[in-house]
């Protein structure tokens, strides 16, 4: 039997931006839509984005090959600007459909920078952990340059 830690993913990044700006990149749907994607070749379509405690979201990732992967969930806790907790559930016909997982984003101010720790728990398999690591790492790698462009604006 596998331990729970084998199905928990932790991704960390430090951004050269104040904590409020990093939090706002998740909170503001217009800003979120500009950077949230596992890689630049995947387009994001937002069906629902109600960023509040108890609010729901639903997005679709459109791949270059024509793939469409839909994920949605509910915001369980939002404590601006320090924490966002939400469920993450892929919809049919995705490989991981039906698995209700949990994502926690913790933000900590570090001088002029912000440390982000993303913890994704309840992943069903080791393969799911590896695949979600690629997706989250890709998205968080896009957030950095996006924040830099905002700083320059």
C-alpha atoms as a PDB file:
ATOM      1  CA  UNK A   1       0.000   0.000   0.000  1.00  0.00           C
ATOM      2  CA  UNK A   2       1.331   3.448  -0.905  1.00  0.00           C
ATOM      3  CA  UNK A   3       1.618   6.190   1.663  1.00  0.00           C
ATOM      4  CA  UNK A   4      -0.274   9.445   1.297  1.00  0.00           C
ATOM      5  CA  UNK A   5       2.973  11.363   0.710  1.00  0.00           C
ATOM      6  CA  UNK A   6       3.471   9.436  -2.531  1.00  0.00           C
ATOM      7  CA  UNK A   7       0.310  11.090  -3.769  1.00  0.00           C
ATOM      8  CA  UNK A   8       1.076  14.590  -2.542  1.00  0.00           C
ATOM      9  CA  UNK A   9       2.820  17.059  -4.809  1.00  0.00           C
ATOM     10  CA  UNK A  10       4.628  20.165  -3.529  1.00  0.00           C
ATOM     11  CA  UNK A  11       5.861  22.837  -5.968  1.00  0.00           C
ATOM     12  CA  UNK A  12       7.663  25.964  -4.749  1.00  0.00           C
ATOM     13  CA  UNK A  13       8.578  29.189  -6.499  1.00  0.00           C
ATOM     14  CA  UNK A  14       9.834  32.600  -5.415  1.00  0.00           C
ATOM     15  CA  UNK A  15       8.671  35.601  -7.416  1.00  0.00           C
ATOM     16  CA  UNK A  16      10.095  39.095  -7.586  1.00  0.00           C
ATOM     17  CA  UNK A  17       6.745  40.689  -6.835  1.00  0.00           C
ATOM     18  CA  UNK A  18       4.815  41.779  -3.742  1.00  0.00           C
ATOM     19  CA  UNK A  19       2.474  39.212  -2.187  1.00  0.00           C
ATOM     20  CA  UNK A  20      -0.644  41.203  -3.141  1.00  0.00           C
ATOM     21  CA  UNK A  21       0.319  41.112  -6.831  1.00  0.00           C
ATOM     22  CA  UNK A  22       0.925  37.345  -6.764  1.00  0.00           C
ATOM     23  CA  UNK A  23      -2.379  36.753  -4.961  1.00  0.00           C
ATOM     24  CA  UNK A  24      -4.177  38.996  -7.459  1.00  0.00           C
ATOM     25  CA  UNK A  25      -2.800  36.882 -10.347  1.00  0.00           C
ATOM     26  CA  UNK A  26      -5.086  34.110  -9.029  1.00  0.00           C
ATOM     27  CA  UNK A  27      -7.951  36.279  -7.764  1.00  0.00           C
ATOM     28  CA  UNK A  28      -8.585  38.405 -10.876  1.00  0.00           C
ATOM     29  CA  UNK A  29      -9.988  36.268 -13.701  1.00  0.00           C
ATOM     30  CA  UNK A  30      -8.651  38.606 -16.407  1.00  0.00           C
ATOM     31  CA  UNK A  31      -5.124  38.343 -15.011  1.00  0.00           C
ATOM     32  CA  UNK A  32      -5.445  34.602 -14.337  1.00  0.00           C
ATOM     33  CA  UNK A  33      -6.434  33.990 -17.961  1.00  0.00           C
ATOM     34  CA  UNK A  34      -3.221  35.663 -19.171  1.00  0.00           C
ATOM     35  CA  UNK A  35      -0.785  33.209 -17.579  1.00  0.00           C
ATOM     36  CA  UNK A  36      -2.509  30.033 -16.334  1.00  0.00           C
ATOM     37  CA  UNK A  37      -1.618  27.185 -18.671  1.00  0.00           C
ATOM     38  CA  UNK A  38       0.763  24.214 -18.415  1.00  0.00           C
ATOM     39  CA  UNK A  39       2.744  25.558 -21.391  1.00  0.00           C
ATOM     40  CA  UNK A  40       2.510  28.350 -23.974  1.00  0.00           C
ATOM     41  CA  UNK A  41       1.090  25.949 -26.600  1.00  0.00           C
ATOM     42  CA  UNK A  42      -2.014  25.202 -24.518  1.00  0.00           C
ATOM     43  CA  UNK A  43      -4.832  27.754 -24.554  1.00  0.00           C
ATOM     44  CA  UNK A  44      -7.074  28.339 -21.564  1.00  0.00           C
ATOM     45  CA  UNK A  45     -10.820  28.799 -21.841  1.00  0.00           C
ATOM     46  CA  UNK A  46     -12.670  29.874 -18.712  1.00  0.00           C
ATOM     47  CA  UNK A  47     -16.254  28.656 -18.311  1.00  0.00           C
ATOM     48  CA  UNK A  48     -16.752  29.749 -14.698  1.00  0.00           C
ATOM     49  CA  UNK A  49     -14.613  31.714 -12.232  1.00  0.00           C
ATOM     50  CA  UNK A  50     -16.309  32.734  -8.983  1.00  0.00           C
ATOM     51  CA  UNK A  51     -13.304  33.542  -6.775  1.00  0.00           C
ATOM     52  CA  UNK A  52     -14.802  33.537  -3.275  1.00  0.00           C
ATOM     53  CA  UNK A  53     -15.266  31.070  -0.428  1.00  0.00           C
ATOM     54  CA  UNK A  54     -17.760  28.523  -1.753  1.00  0.00           C
ATOM     55  CA  UNK A  55     -17.398  29.822  -5.315  1.00  0.00           C
ATOM     56  CA  UNK A  56     -16.758  27.488  -8.214  1.00  0.00           C
ATOM     57  CA  UNK A  57     -14.459  27.492 -11.214  1.00  0.00           C
ATOM     58  CA  UNK A  58     -14.360  25.492 -14.434  1.00  0.00           C
ATOM     59  CA  UNK A  59     -11.709  25.828 -17.128  1.00  0.00           C
ATOM     60  CA  UNK A  60     -10.704  23.998 -20.286  1.00  0.00           C
ATOM     61  CA  UNK A  61      -7.180  23.485 -21.589  1.00  0.00           C
ATOM     62  CA  UNK A  62      -7.084  23.368 -25.410  1.00  0.00           C
ATOM     63  CA  UNK A  63      -4.005  21.544 -26.728  1.00  0.00           C
ATOM     64  CA  UNK A  64      -2.501  22.034 -30.177  1.00  0.00           C
ATOM     65  CA  UNK A  65      -3.544  18.506 -31.135  1.00  0.00           C
ATOM     66  CA  UNK A  66      -7.192  19.412 -30.543  1.00  0.00           C
ATOM     67  CA  UNK A  67      -7.380  17.921 -27.058  1.00  0.00           C
ATOM     68  CA  UNK A  68      -9.758  19.508 -24.579  1.00  0.00           C
ATOM     69  CA  UNK A  69      -9.198  18.837 -20.884  1.00  0.00           C
ATOM     70  CA  UNK A  70     -11.790  20.288 -18.507  1.00  0.00           C
ATOM     71  CA  UNK A  71     -11.140  20.712 -14.790  1.00  0.00           C
ATOM     72  CA  UNK A  72     -13.254  22.351 -12.143  1.00  0.00           C
ATOM     73  CA  UNK A  73     -13.788  22.652  -8.450  1.00  0.00           C
ATOM     74  CA  UNK A  74     -14.766  24.774  -5.495  1.00  0.00           C
ATOM     75  CA  UNK A  75     -12.892  27.402  -3.505  1.00  0.00           C
ATOM     76  CA  UNK A  76     -12.924  26.073   0.060  1.00  0.00           C
ATOM     77  CA  UNK A  77     -10.893  28.834   1.725  1.00  0.00           C
ATOM     78  CA  UNK A  78      -9.536  32.171   0.547  1.00  0.00           C
ATOM     79  CA  UNK A  79      -7.482  34.228   2.978  1.00  0.00           C
ATOM     80  CA  UNK A  80      -6.156  37.224   1.065  1.00  0.00           C
ATOM     81  CA  UNK A  81      -3.300  37.560   0.364  1.00  0.00           C
ATOM     82  CA  UNK A  82      -1.881  34.441   2.044  1.00  0.00           C
ATOM     83  CA  UNK A  83      -3.798  31.317   1.083  1.00  0.00           C
ATOM     84  CA  UNK A  84      -6.125  29.802  -1.511  1.00  0.00           C
ATOM     85  CA  UNK A  85      -7.582  26.296  -1.039  1.00  0.00           C
ATOM     86  CA  UNK A  86      -9.677  24.629  -3.725  1.00  0.00           C
ATOM     87  CA  UNK A  87     -10.773  21.259  -5.016  1.00  0.00           C
ATOM     88  CA  UNK A  88      -9.460  20.058  -8.386  1.00  0.00           C
ATOM     89  CA  UNK A  89     -11.469  17.526 -10.363  1.00  0.00           C
ATOM     90  CA  UNK A  90     -10.945  16.541 -13.996  1.00  0.00           C
ATOM     91  CA  UNK A  91     -14.060  15.864 -16.028  1.00  0.00           C
ATOM     92  CA  UNK A  92     -14.763  13.033 -18.494  1.00  0.00           C
ATOM     93  CA  UNK A  93     -13.116  11.804 -20.615  1.00  0.00           C
ATOM     94  CA  UNK A  94      -9.896  12.750 -18.747  1.00  0.00           C
ATOM     95  CA  UNK A  95      -7.676   9.959 -17.391  1.00  0.00           C
ATOM     96  CA  UNK A  96      -8.167  11.175 -13.807  1.00  0.00           C
ATOM     97  CA  UNK A  97     -11.880  11.995 -14.044  1.00  0.00           C
ATOM     98  CA  UNK A  98     -13.822  11.444 -10.852  1.00  0.00           C
ATOM     99  CA  UNK A  99     -10.858  11.924  -8.512  1.00  0.00           C
ATOM    100  CA  UNK A 100     -11.566  14.890  -6.240  1.00  0.00           C
ATOM    101  CA  UNK A 101      -8.163  16.270  -5.253  1.00  0.00           C
ATOM    102  CA  UNK A 102      -7.191  19.276  -3.156  1.00  0.00           C
ATOM    103  CA  UNK A 103      -4.882  22.202  -3.975  1.00  0.00           C
ATOM    104  CA  UNK A 104      -3.509  24.629  -1.392  1.00  0.00           C
ATOM    105  CA  UNK A 105      -1.551  27.697  -2.447  1.00  0.00           C
ATOM    106  CA  UNK A 106       0.358  29.399   0.359  1.00  0.00           C
ATOM    107  CA  UNK A 107       1.964  32.805  -0.176  1.00  0.00           C
ATOM    108  CA  UNK A 108       4.565  34.299   2.147  1.00  0.00           C
ATOM    109  CA  UNK A 109       6.094  37.757   1.766  1.00  0.00           C
ATOM    110  CA  UNK A 110       9.902  37.711   1.766  1.00  0.00           C
ATOM    111  CA  UNK A 111      11.001  41.331   1.561  1.00  0.00           C
ATOM    112  CA  UNK A 112      10.018  42.542  -1.913  1.00  0.00           C
ATOM    113  CA  UNK A 113       9.589  38.931  -3.064  1.00  0.00           C
ATOM    114  CA  UNK A 114       6.867  36.346  -2.539  1.00  0.00           C
ATOM    115  CA  UNK A 115       7.385  32.664  -1.847  1.00  0.00           C
ATOM    116  CA  UNK A 116       4.634  30.462  -3.289  1.00  0.00           C
ATOM    117  CA  UNK A 117       4.125  26.891  -2.120  1.00  0.00           C
ATOM    118  CA  UNK A 118       1.564  24.820  -3.991  1.00  0.00           C
ATOM    119  CA  UNK A 119       0.505  21.540  -2.361  1.00  0.00           C
ATOM    120  CA  UNK A 120      -1.694  19.173  -4.383  1.00  0.00           C
ATOM    121  CA  UNK A 121      -3.010  16.255  -2.303  1.00  0.00           C
ATOM    122  CA  UNK A 122      -5.167  13.172  -2.857  1.00  0.00           C
ATOM    123  CA  UNK A 123      -3.664  12.447  -6.284  1.00  0.00           C
ATOM    124  CA  UNK A 124      -4.751   8.914  -7.277  1.00  0.00           C
ATOM    125  CA  UNK A 125      -1.450   7.479  -8.581  1.00  0.00           C
ATOM    126  CA  UNK A 126       2.265   8.147  -8.835  1.00  0.00           C
ATOM    127  CA  UNK A 127       1.733   8.808 -12.551  1.00  0.00           C
ATOM    128  CA  UNK A 128      -0.890  11.429 -11.659  1.00  0.00           C
ATOM    129  CA  UNK A 129       1.617  13.094  -9.340  1.00  0.00           C
ATOM    130  CA  UNK A 130       4.250  13.204 -12.110  1.00  0.00           C
ATOM    131  CA  UNK A 131       1.755  14.552 -14.673  1.00  0.00           C
ATOM    132  CA  UNK A 132       0.389  17.203 -12.310  1.00  0.00           C
ATOM    133  CA  UNK A 133       3.935  18.239 -11.418  1.00  0.00           C
ATOM    134  CA  UNK A 134       4.559  18.945 -15.110  1.00  0.00           C
ATOM    135  CA  UNK A 135       1.351  20.952 -15.407  1.00  0.00           C
ATOM    136  CA  UNK A 136       1.722  22.969 -12.220  1.00  0.00           C
ATOM    137  CA  UNK A 137       5.432  23.582 -12.803  1.00  0.00           C
ATOM    138  CA  UNK A 138       4.695  24.789 -16.319  1.00  0.00           C
ATOM    139  CA  UNK A 139       1.969  27.155 -15.155  1.00  0.00           C
ATOM    140  CA  UNK A 140       4.001  28.530 -12.255  1.00  0.00           C
ATOM    141  CA  UNK A 141       6.976  28.980 -14.593  1.00  0.00           C
ATOM    142  CA  UNK A 142       4.743  31.173 -16.783  1.00  0.00           C
ATOM    143  CA  UNK A 143       3.562  33.191 -13.785  1.00  0.00           C
ATOM    144  CA  UNK A 144       7.080  34.566 -13.143  1.00  0.00           C
ATOM    145  CA  UNK A 145       7.547  36.261 -16.538  1.00  0.00           C
ATOM    146  CA  UNK A 146       3.930  37.464 -16.438  1.00  0.00           C
ATOM    147  CA  UNK A 147       4.568  39.132 -13.060  1.00  0.00           C
ATOM    148  CA  UNK A 148       7.745  40.722 -14.442  1.00  0.00           C
ATOM    149  CA  UNK A 149       5.762  42.188 -17.347  1.00  0.00           C
ATOM    150  CA  UNK A 150       3.271  43.597 -14.801  1.00  0.00           C
ATOM    151  CA  UNK A 151       6.124  45.099 -12.769  1.00  0.00           C
ATOM    152  CA  UNK A 152       7.433  46.800 -15.913  1.00  0.00           C
ATOM    153  CA  UNK A 153       4.031  48.177 -16.903  1.00  0.00           C
END
